[in-house]
Amino acid sequence: MEDKDHQIVFVYGTLKKGQPNEHIMSNPETGKHKYIGPAETVDKFPLFVASKYNIPFMLTEKGTGFRIHGELYEVDNLKMIALDLLEGYPEFYIRNKFPVEKENGEIIEAWIYQLPWIYQLRELDPRLNETKTTIIAKYFDGHGGRFYVRHENCGKNDDLF
């Protein structure tokens, strides 16, 4: 499946089917994609939904949190560029390869976008420990009664909290 022209990507938030940024995945002008199916991470990670923008982000702290539920896609290089732009890679999110388990039990490696610096900020910013920040295993729009606000409307990184 994966080769120099195609990558496997695991999405857990707003890029999933029925979510606010699905159009970026499904738009043929941003490249080709093929839906592989539902999957979840083999390892546990913290998945936060934070801020007034209801932004989901998976942290890099492997072994903490939950196995994250999401979707697998095969994408071409053009689509990968579009995803990198949406996620602010590499300045905001980073991406790493991790094993994910498909619905049939098969384990494959996939790119996953993660927020690398948030745990350091938790020590400095108590807002991350307030009730508006939640660790979850599965993201859906409107989590906790809040609805996702498009990234274009997020003025600065501090707005995330």
N, C-alpha and C. Protein backbone atom coordinates (compact mmCIF):
# COMPACT_ATOMS: atom_id res chain seq x y z
N MET A 1 0.82 -1.20 0.00
CA MET A 1 0.00 0.00 0.00
C MET A 1 0.86 1.26 0.00
N GLU A 2 1.76 1.40 0.97
CA GLU A 2 2.58 2.61 1.03
C GLU A 2 3.80 2.45 0.12
N ASP A 3 4.09 3.49 -0.65
CA ASP A 3 5.27 3.54 -1.49
C ASP A 3 5.71 4.99 -1.58
N LYS A 4 6.65 5.29 -2.47
CA LYS A 4 7.15 6.67 -2.54
C LYS A 4 6.09 7.67 -3.01
N ASP A 5 5.03 7.19 -3.65
CA ASP A 5 3.98 8.07 -4.15
C ASP A 5 2.73 8.09 -3.28
N HIS A 6 2.65 7.19 -2.31
CA HIS A 6 1.46 7.08 -1.46
C HIS A 6 1.87 6.87 0.00
N GLN A 7 1.10 7.46 0.89
CA GLN A 7 1.35 7.34 2.33
C GLN A 7 0.07 6.84 3.00
N ILE A 8 0.24 6.21 4.15
CA ILE A 8 -0.90 5.81 4.98
C ILE A 8 -0.99 6.81 6.13
N VAL A 9 -2.18 7.39 6.31
CA VAL A 9 -2.41 8.41 7.34
C VAL A 9 -3.56 7.96 8.23
N PHE A 10 -3.36 8.14 9.54
CA PHE A 10 -4.40 7.88 10.54
C PHE A 10 -4.92 9.23 11.01
N VAL A 11 -6.23 9.46 10.86
CA VAL A 11 -6.83 10.72 11.31
C VAL A 11 -7.79 10.42 12.45
N TYR A 12 -7.82 11.30 13.43
CA TYR A 12 -8.60 11.06 14.65
C TYR A 12 -9.54 12.20 14.99
N GLY A 13 -9.53 13.27 14.22
CA GLY A 13 -10.31 14.45 14.59
C GLY A 13 -11.16 14.98 13.46
N THR A 14 -10.91 16.22 13.10
CA THR A 14 -11.79 16.93 12.18
C THR A 14 -11.66 16.49 10.72
N LEU A 15 -10.70 15.63 10.40
CA LEU A 15 -10.57 15.11 9.04
C LEU A 15 -11.40 13.85 8.81
N LYS A 16 -11.96 13.28 9.86
CA LYS A 16 -12.75 12.06 9.73
C LYS A 16 -14.04 12.34 8.96
N LYS A 17 -14.64 11.27 8.45
CA LYS A 17 -15.92 11.38 7.75
C LYS A 17 -16.96 12.04 8.65
N GLY A 18 -17.68 12.99 8.07
CA GLY A 18 -18.73 13.68 8.79
C GLY A 18 -18.25 14.80 9.69
N GLN A 19 -16.95 15.08 9.69
CA GLN A 19 -16.40 16.12 10.55
C GLN A 19 -16.08 17.38 9.74
N PRO A 20 -15.81 18.50 10.41
CA PRO A 20 -15.72 19.79 9.71
C PRO A 20 -14.64 19.90 8.63
N ASN A 21 -13.55 19.18 8.72
CA ASN A 21 -12.49 19.28 7.70
C ASN A 21 -12.45 18.09 6.76
N GLU A 22 -13.52 17.30 6.74
CA GLU A 22 -13.60 16.16 5.82
C GLU A 22 -13.40 16.61 4.38
N HIS A 23 -13.86 17.82 4.06
CA HIS A 23 -13.76 18.32 2.68
C HIS A 23 -12.32 18.41 2.20
N ILE A 24 -11.38 18.60 3.10
CA ILE A 24 -9.97 18.65 2.70
C ILE A 24 -9.51 17.27 2.26
N MET A 25 -9.97 16.25 2.96
CA MET A 25 -9.63 14.88 2.58
C MET A 25 -10.34 14.49 1.29
N SER A 26 -11.60 14.86 1.14
CA SER A 26 -12.39 14.39 0.00
C SER A 26 -12.24 15.24 -1.27
N ASN A 27 -11.67 16.43 -1.17
CA ASN A 27 -11.54 17.32 -2.31
C ASN A 27 -10.49 16.80 -3.29
N PRO A 28 -10.88 16.46 -4.54
CA PRO A 28 -9.89 15.95 -5.50
C PRO A 28 -8.84 16.99 -5.90
N GLU A 29 -9.12 18.27 -5.71
CA GLU A 29 -8.14 19.31 -6.04
C GLU A 29 -6.96 19.31 -5.07
N THR A 30 -7.13 18.71 -3.89
CA THR A 30 -6.03 18.64 -2.93
C THR A 30 -5.31 17.30 -2.98
N GLY A 31 -5.58 16.50 -4.00
CA GLY A 31 -4.91 15.22 -4.15
C GLY A 31 -5.87 14.05 -4.04
N LYS A 32 -5.31 12.86 -4.17
CA LYS A 32 -6.11 11.64 -4.14
C LYS A 32 -6.06 10.99 -2.77
N HIS A 33 -7.16 10.35 -2.43
CA HIS A 33 -7.22 9.61 -1.17
C HIS A 33 -8.06 8.35 -1.38
N LYS A 34 -7.80 7.37 -0.54
CA LYS A 34 -8.61 6.15 -0.53
C LYS A 34 -8.88 5.81 0.93
N TYR A 35 -10.14 5.72 1.27
CA TYR A 35 -10.53 5.34 2.63
C TYR A 35 -10.22 3.86 2.83
N ILE A 36 -9.45 3.55 3.86
CA ILE A 36 -9.11 2.16 4.17
C ILE A 36 -10.09 1.59 5.17
N GLY A 37 -10.43 2.39 6.19
CA GLY A 37 -11.41 1.94 7.18
C GLY A 37 -11.09 2.43 8.57
N PRO A 38 -11.92 2.04 9.53
CA PRO A 38 -11.67 2.45 10.91
C PRO A 38 -10.45 1.73 11.47
N ALA A 39 -9.82 2.39 12.44
CA ALA A 39 -8.64 1.81 13.08
C ALA A 39 -8.47 2.47 14.44
N GLU A 40 -7.55 1.93 15.22
CA GLU A 40 -7.18 2.59 16.47
C GLU A 40 -5.70 2.37 16.73
N THR A 41 -5.13 3.29 17.46
CA THR A 41 -3.70 3.18 17.75
C THR A 41 -3.44 1.93 18.58
N VAL A 42 -2.30 1.30 18.36
CA VAL A 42 -1.89 0.16 19.17
C VAL A 42 -1.50 0.65 20.56
N ASP A 43 -0.79 1.76 20.59
CA ASP A 43 -0.35 2.36 21.86
C ASP A 43 -1.39 3.35 22.36
N LYS A 44 -1.32 3.63 23.64
CA LYS A 44 -2.17 4.65 24.25
C LYS A 44 -1.50 6.02 24.12
N PHE A 45 -2.33 7.03 23.88
CA PHE A 45 -1.89 8.42 23.82
C PHE A 45 -2.97 9.30 24.43
N PRO A 46 -2.59 10.47 24.98
CA PRO A 46 -3.61 11.43 25.39
C PRO A 46 -4.18 12.13 24.15
N LEU A 47 -5.50 12.19 24.07
CA LEU A 47 -6.19 12.95 23.03
C LEU A 47 -7.02 14.00 23.75
N PHE A 48 -6.67 15.26 23.53
CA PHE A 48 -7.36 16.38 24.16
C PHE A 48 -8.31 17.02 23.18
N VAL A 49 -9.41 17.51 23.69
CA VAL A 49 -10.25 18.46 22.97
C VAL A 49 -10.23 19.70 23.83
N ALA A 50 -9.65 20.77 23.30
CA ALA A 50 -9.42 21.94 24.14
C ALA A 50 -9.83 23.22 23.44
N SER A 51 -10.03 24.22 24.22
CA SER A 51 -10.23 25.60 23.83
C SER A 51 -11.66 25.87 23.40
N LYS A 52 -11.90 27.15 23.19
CA LYS A 52 -13.21 27.56 22.68
C LYS A 52 -13.41 27.08 21.24
N TYR A 53 -12.35 26.60 20.60
CA TYR A 53 -12.43 26.13 19.22
C TYR A 53 -12.70 24.63 19.11
N ASN A 54 -12.75 23.92 20.24
CA ASN A 54 -13.03 22.48 20.24
C ASN A 54 -12.04 21.73 19.35
N ILE A 55 -10.77 22.05 19.48
CA ILE A 55 -9.73 21.46 18.63
C ILE A 55 -9.22 20.17 19.27
N PRO A 56 -9.27 19.06 18.52
CA PRO A 56 -8.70 17.82 19.04
C PRO A 56 -7.21 17.75 18.73
N PHE A 57 -6.43 17.30 19.70
CA PHE A 57 -5.03 17.07 19.41
C PHE A 57 -4.49 15.94 20.26
N MET A 58 -3.69 15.10 19.60
CA MET A 58 -3.07 13.95 20.25
C MET A 58 -1.67 14.35 20.65
N LEU A 59 -1.32 14.03 21.89
CA LEU A 59 0.00 14.38 22.39
C LEU A 59 1.00 13.27 22.11
N THR A 60 2.27 13.56 22.34
CA THR A 60 3.35 12.60 22.05
C THR A 60 3.66 11.69 23.22
N GLU A 61 2.93 11.79 24.31
CA GLU A 61 3.21 10.99 25.51
C GLU A 61 2.68 9.57 25.35
N LYS A 62 3.44 8.72 24.68
CA LYS A 62 3.03 7.34 24.44
C LYS A 62 2.90 6.58 25.76
N GLY A 63 1.82 5.79 25.88
CA GLY A 63 1.59 4.99 27.08
C GLY A 63 0.65 5.64 28.07
N THR A 64 0.24 6.87 27.80
CA THR A 64 -0.68 7.60 28.67
C THR A 64 -1.98 7.84 27.91
N GLY A 65 -3.11 7.75 28.58
CA GLY A 65 -4.38 8.05 27.93
C GLY A 65 -5.08 6.80 27.45
N PHE A 66 -5.47 6.79 26.18
CA PHE A 66 -6.28 5.71 25.61
C PHE A 66 -5.73 5.30 24.24
N ARG A 67 -6.17 4.13 23.77
CA ARG A 67 -6.00 3.80 22.36
C ARG A 67 -6.95 4.71 21.61
N ILE A 68 -6.44 5.43 20.64
CA ILE A 68 -7.22 6.46 19.96
C ILE A 68 -7.95 5.86 18.76
N HIS A 69 -9.24 6.12 18.66
CA HIS A 69 -10.06 5.67 17.54
C HIS A 69 -9.97 6.68 16.41
N GLY A 70 -9.89 6.18 15.18
CA GLY A 70 -9.83 7.08 14.03
C GLY A 70 -10.07 6.34 12.74
N GLU A 71 -9.59 6.91 11.65
CA GLU A 71 -9.77 6.35 10.32
C GLU A 71 -8.43 6.32 9.59
N LEU A 72 -8.28 5.31 8.74
CA LEU A 72 -7.07 5.17 7.93
C LEU A 72 -7.36 5.55 6.48
N TYR A 73 -6.41 6.27 5.90
CA TYR A 73 -6.50 6.65 4.50
C TYR A 73 -5.16 6.40 3.82
N GLU A 74 -5.23 6.02 2.56
CA GLU A 74 -4.06 6.03 1.69
C GLU A 74 -4.15 7.33 0.90
N VAL A 75 -3.10 8.13 0.93
CA VAL A 75 -3.12 9.42 0.24
C VAL A 75 -1.90 9.55 -0.67
N ASP A 76 -2.06 10.34 -1.72
CA ASP A 76 -0.91 10.61 -2.58
C ASP A 76 -0.12 11.78 -2.00
N ASN A 77 1.01 12.08 -2.62
CA ASN A 77 1.89 13.13 -2.10
C ASN A 77 1.24 14.51 -2.10
N LEU A 78 0.40 14.79 -3.09
CA LEU A 78 -0.30 16.08 -3.13
C LEU A 78 -1.26 16.21 -1.95
N LYS A 79 -1.98 15.15 -1.64
CA LYS A 79 -2.90 15.18 -0.49
C LYS A 79 -2.11 15.33 0.81
N MET A 80 -0.94 14.68 0.88
CA MET A 80 -0.12 14.80 2.09
C MET A 80 0.31 16.25 2.30
N ILE A 81 0.62 16.95 1.22
CA ILE A 81 0.97 18.37 1.32
C ILE A 81 -0.22 19.17 1.86
N ALA A 82 -1.42 18.87 1.36
CA ALA A 82 -2.63 19.57 1.83
C ALA A 82 -2.87 19.30 3.31
N LEU A 83 -2.65 18.07 3.74
CA LEU A 83 -2.82 17.73 5.16
C LEU A 83 -1.77 18.44 6.01
N ASP A 84 -0.53 18.47 5.53
CA ASP A 84 0.53 19.18 6.25
C ASP A 84 0.19 20.67 6.42
N LEU A 85 -0.36 21.27 5.38
CA LEU A 85 -0.75 22.69 5.47
C LEU A 85 -1.86 22.89 6.50
N LEU A 86 -2.87 22.05 6.46
CA LEU A 86 -3.96 22.16 7.43
C LEU A 86 -3.45 22.03 8.85
N GLU A 87 -2.58 21.06 9.08
CA GLU A 87 -2.11 20.77 10.43
C GLU A 87 -0.97 21.69 10.89
N GLY A 88 -0.51 22.57 10.00
CA GLY A 88 0.58 23.47 10.38
C GLY A 88 1.88 22.72 10.60
N TYR A 89 2.09 21.64 9.85
CA TYR A 89 3.30 20.82 9.97
C TYR A 89 4.46 21.51 9.27
N PRO A 90 5.60 21.58 9.86
CA PRO A 90 6.03 21.03 11.15
C PRO A 90 6.06 22.06 12.29
N GLU A 91 5.59 23.28 12.05
CA GLU A 91 5.69 24.32 13.07
C GLU A 91 4.72 24.10 14.23
N PHE A 92 3.52 23.62 13.94
CA PHE A 92 2.50 23.47 14.98
C PHE A 92 2.37 22.00 15.37
N TYR A 93 1.82 21.20 14.48
CA TYR A 93 1.78 19.75 14.69
C TYR A 93 3.05 19.13 14.10
N ILE A 94 3.43 17.99 14.65
CA ILE A 94 4.45 17.15 14.02
C ILE A 94 3.73 15.90 13.55
N ARG A 95 4.40 15.07 12.77
CA ARG A 95 3.81 13.78 12.44
C ARG A 95 4.86 12.70 12.60
N ASN A 96 4.40 11.58 13.13
CA ASN A 96 5.25 10.42 13.36
C ASN A 96 4.52 9.18 12.89
N LYS A 97 5.29 8.14 12.61
CA LYS A 97 4.67 6.86 12.25
C LYS A 97 4.51 6.00 13.49
N PHE A 98 3.32 5.44 13.62
CA PHE A 98 3.01 4.54 14.73
C PHE A 98 2.19 3.37 14.20
N PRO A 99 2.22 2.24 14.91
CA PRO A 99 1.37 1.13 14.51
C PRO A 99 -0.09 1.41 14.87
N VAL A 100 -0.97 1.09 13.94
CA VAL A 100 -2.41 1.18 14.18
C VAL A 100 -3.04 -0.16 13.81
N GLU A 101 -4.13 -0.47 14.49
CA GLU A 101 -4.81 -1.74 14.26
C GLU A 101 -6.08 -1.51 13.45
N LYS A 102 -6.14 -2.17 12.29
CA LYS A 102 -7.33 -2.09 11.46
C LYS A 102 -8.45 -2.91 12.08
N GLU A 103 -9.64 -2.73 11.57
CA GLU A 103 -10.82 -3.43 12.08
C GLU A 103 -10.67 -4.95 12.04
N ASN A 104 -9.93 -5.45 11.04
CA ASN A 104 -9.74 -6.90 10.90
C ASN A 104 -8.60 -7.44 11.76
N GLY A 105 -7.97 -6.58 12.57
CA GLY A 105 -6.88 -7.00 13.44
C GLY A 105 -5.49 -6.81 12.86
N GLU A 106 -5.41 -6.51 11.57
CA GLU A 106 -4.11 -6.28 10.93
C GLU A 106 -3.49 -5.00 11.49
N ILE A 107 -2.20 -5.07 11.74
CA ILE A 107 -1.48 -3.90 12.27
C ILE A 107 -0.57 -3.35 11.17
N ILE A 108 -0.70 -2.05 10.91
CA ILE A 108 0.13 -1.39 9.91
C ILE A 108 0.66 -0.08 10.49
N GLU A 109 1.70 0.45 9.88
CA GLU A 109 2.28 1.74 10.28
C GLU A 109 1.55 2.86 9.54
N ALA A 110 1.28 3.95 10.24
CA ALA A 110 0.61 5.09 9.62
C ALA A 110 1.16 6.38 10.20
N TRP A 111 1.13 7.42 9.39
CA TRP A 111 1.48 8.76 9.87
C TRP A 111 0.36 9.25 10.77
N ILE A 112 0.73 9.88 11.90
CA ILE A 112 -0.23 10.47 12.82
C ILE A 112 0.28 11.85 13.20
N TYR A 113 -0.60 12.85 13.10
CA TYR A 113 -0.24 14.21 13.52
C TYR A 113 -0.41 14.32 15.03
N GLN A 114 0.60 14.94 15.68
CA GLN A 114 0.60 15.10 17.13
C GLN A 114 1.05 16.51 17.50
N LEU A 115 0.62 16.93 18.68
CA LEU A 115 1.06 18.21 19.23
C LEU A 115 2.17 17.93 20.22
N PRO A 116 3.41 18.35 19.94
CA PRO A 116 4.54 17.91 20.76
C PRO A 116 4.80 18.70 22.02
N TRP A 117 4.34 19.92 22.11
CA TRP A 117 4.82 20.81 23.17
C TRP A 117 3.81 21.07 24.27
N ILE A 118 2.65 20.46 24.20
CA ILE A 118 1.59 20.83 25.12
C ILE A 118 1.87 20.41 26.57
N TYR A 119 2.54 19.27 26.77
CA TYR A 119 2.78 18.84 28.14
C TYR A 119 3.70 19.81 28.87
N GLN A 120 4.67 20.36 28.17
CA GLN A 120 5.52 21.36 28.82
C GLN A 120 4.70 22.57 29.22
N LEU A 121 3.72 22.93 28.41
CA LEU A 121 2.88 24.07 28.73
C LEU A 121 1.94 23.78 29.90
N ARG A 122 1.58 22.52 30.11
CA ARG A 122 0.68 22.19 31.23
C ARG A 122 1.30 22.61 32.55
N GLU A 123 2.62 22.52 32.63
CA GLU A 123 3.30 22.93 33.86
C GLU A 123 3.21 24.44 34.05
N LEU A 124 3.12 25.16 32.93
CA LEU A 124 3.14 26.62 32.98
C LEU A 124 1.75 27.25 32.92
N ASP A 125 0.79 26.52 32.36
CA ASP A 125 -0.52 27.11 32.10
C ASP A 125 -1.62 26.26 32.71
N PRO A 126 -2.17 26.66 33.86
CA PRO A 126 -3.19 25.86 34.53
C PRO A 126 -4.49 25.73 33.75
N ARG A 127 -4.68 26.55 32.72
CA ARG A 127 -5.90 26.44 31.93
C ARG A 127 -6.03 25.06 31.28
N LEU A 128 -4.90 24.38 31.05
CA LEU A 128 -4.95 23.05 30.44
C LEU A 128 -5.50 22.01 31.39
N ASN A 129 -5.58 22.29 32.66
CA ASN A 129 -6.12 21.34 33.62
C ASN A 129 -7.55 21.68 34.03
N GLU A 130 -8.14 22.70 33.41
CA GLU A 130 -9.51 23.08 33.71
C GLU A 130 -10.49 22.17 33.00
N THR A 131 -11.75 22.29 33.33
CA THR A 131 -12.77 21.41 32.78
C THR A 131 -12.98 21.59 31.28
N LYS A 132 -12.55 22.69 30.70
CA LYS A 132 -12.72 22.86 29.26
C LYS A 132 -11.72 22.03 28.46
N THR A 133 -10.79 21.39 29.12
CA THR A 133 -9.83 20.50 28.47
C THR A 133 -10.10 19.08 28.96
N THR A 134 -10.32 18.17 28.02
CA THR A 134 -10.72 16.81 28.35
C THR A 134 -9.85 15.81 27.62
N ILE A 135 -9.44 14.74 28.28
CA ILE A 135 -8.76 13.64 27.60
C ILE A 135 -9.81 12.62 27.22
N ILE A 136 -9.83 12.22 25.95
CA ILE A 136 -10.84 11.28 25.45
C ILE A 136 -10.18 10.23 24.58
N ALA A 137 -10.95 9.19 24.24
CA ALA A 137 -10.47 8.14 23.35
C ALA A 137 -10.98 8.32 21.92
N LYS A 138 -12.08 9.04 21.76
CA LYS A 138 -12.69 9.18 20.44
C LYS A 138 -13.25 10.58 20.29
N TYR A 139 -12.89 11.24 19.19
CA TYR A 139 -13.36 12.60 18.92
C TYR A 139 -14.59 12.56 18.04
N PHE A 140 -15.54 13.43 18.33
CA PHE A 140 -16.66 13.70 17.45
C PHE A 140 -16.99 15.18 17.59
N ASP A 141 -17.52 15.77 16.52
CA ASP A 141 -17.81 17.20 16.54
C ASP A 141 -18.85 17.50 17.60
N GLY A 142 -18.65 18.59 18.30
CA GLY A 142 -19.57 18.97 19.35
C GLY A 142 -19.27 18.29 20.66
N HIS A 143 -18.09 17.72 20.81
CA HIS A 143 -17.71 17.04 22.04
C HIS A 143 -17.91 17.96 23.23
N GLY A 144 -18.59 17.47 24.24
CA GLY A 144 -18.80 18.26 25.44
C GLY A 144 -19.69 19.48 25.22
N GLY A 145 -20.53 19.44 24.18
CA GLY A 145 -21.42 20.55 23.91
C GLY A 145 -20.77 21.72 23.19
N ARG A 146 -19.49 21.58 22.84
CA ARG A 146 -18.80 22.65 22.11
C ARG A 146 -18.65 22.22 20.66
N PHE A 147 -18.70 23.15 19.77
CA PHE A 147 -18.55 22.83 18.36
C PHE A 147 -17.24 23.37 17.82
N TYR A 148 -16.68 22.63 16.91
CA TYR A 148 -15.40 22.98 16.29
C TYR A 148 -15.52 24.32 15.57
N VAL A 149 -14.51 25.15 15.72
CA VAL A 149 -14.41 26.41 15.01
C VAL A 149 -13.26 26.29 14.03
N ARG A 150 -13.48 26.66 12.80
CA ARG A 150 -12.48 26.47 11.75
C ARG A 150 -11.15 27.12 12.11
N HIS A 151 -10.06 26.46 11.66
CA HIS A 151 -8.72 26.92 12.02
C HIS A 151 -8.44 28.34 11.53
N GLU A 152 -9.11 28.75 10.48
CA GLU A 152 -8.90 30.10 9.95
C GLU A 152 -9.32 31.16 10.97
N ASN A 153 -10.21 30.79 11.88
CA ASN A 153 -10.73 31.73 12.87
C ASN A 153 -9.92 31.74 14.16
N CYS A 154 -8.90 30.92 14.23
CA CYS A 154 -8.04 30.88 15.41
C CYS A 154 -6.90 31.87 15.19
N GLY A 155 -6.90 32.95 15.95
CA GLY A 155 -5.97 34.04 15.70
C GLY A 155 -4.54 33.78 16.11
N LYS A 156 -4.35 33.05 17.21
CA LYS A 156 -2.98 32.83 17.69
C LYS A 156 -2.97 31.55 18.53
N ASN A 157 -1.77 31.00 18.75
CA ASN A 157 -1.66 29.75 19.49
C ASN A 157 -2.28 29.83 20.87
N ASP A 158 -2.23 30.98 21.52
CA ASP A 158 -2.80 31.12 22.86
C ASP A 158 -4.31 30.89 22.85
N ASP A 159 -4.95 31.08 21.69
CA ASP A 159 -6.39 30.83 21.58
C ASP A 159 -6.75 29.37 21.77
N LEU A 160 -5.75 28.49 21.73
CA LEU A 160 -6.03 27.06 21.87
C LEU A 160 -6.48 26.70 23.27
N PHE A 161 -6.20 27.53 24.24
CA PHE A 161 -6.47 27.14 25.63
C PHE A 161 -7.67 27.84 26.20
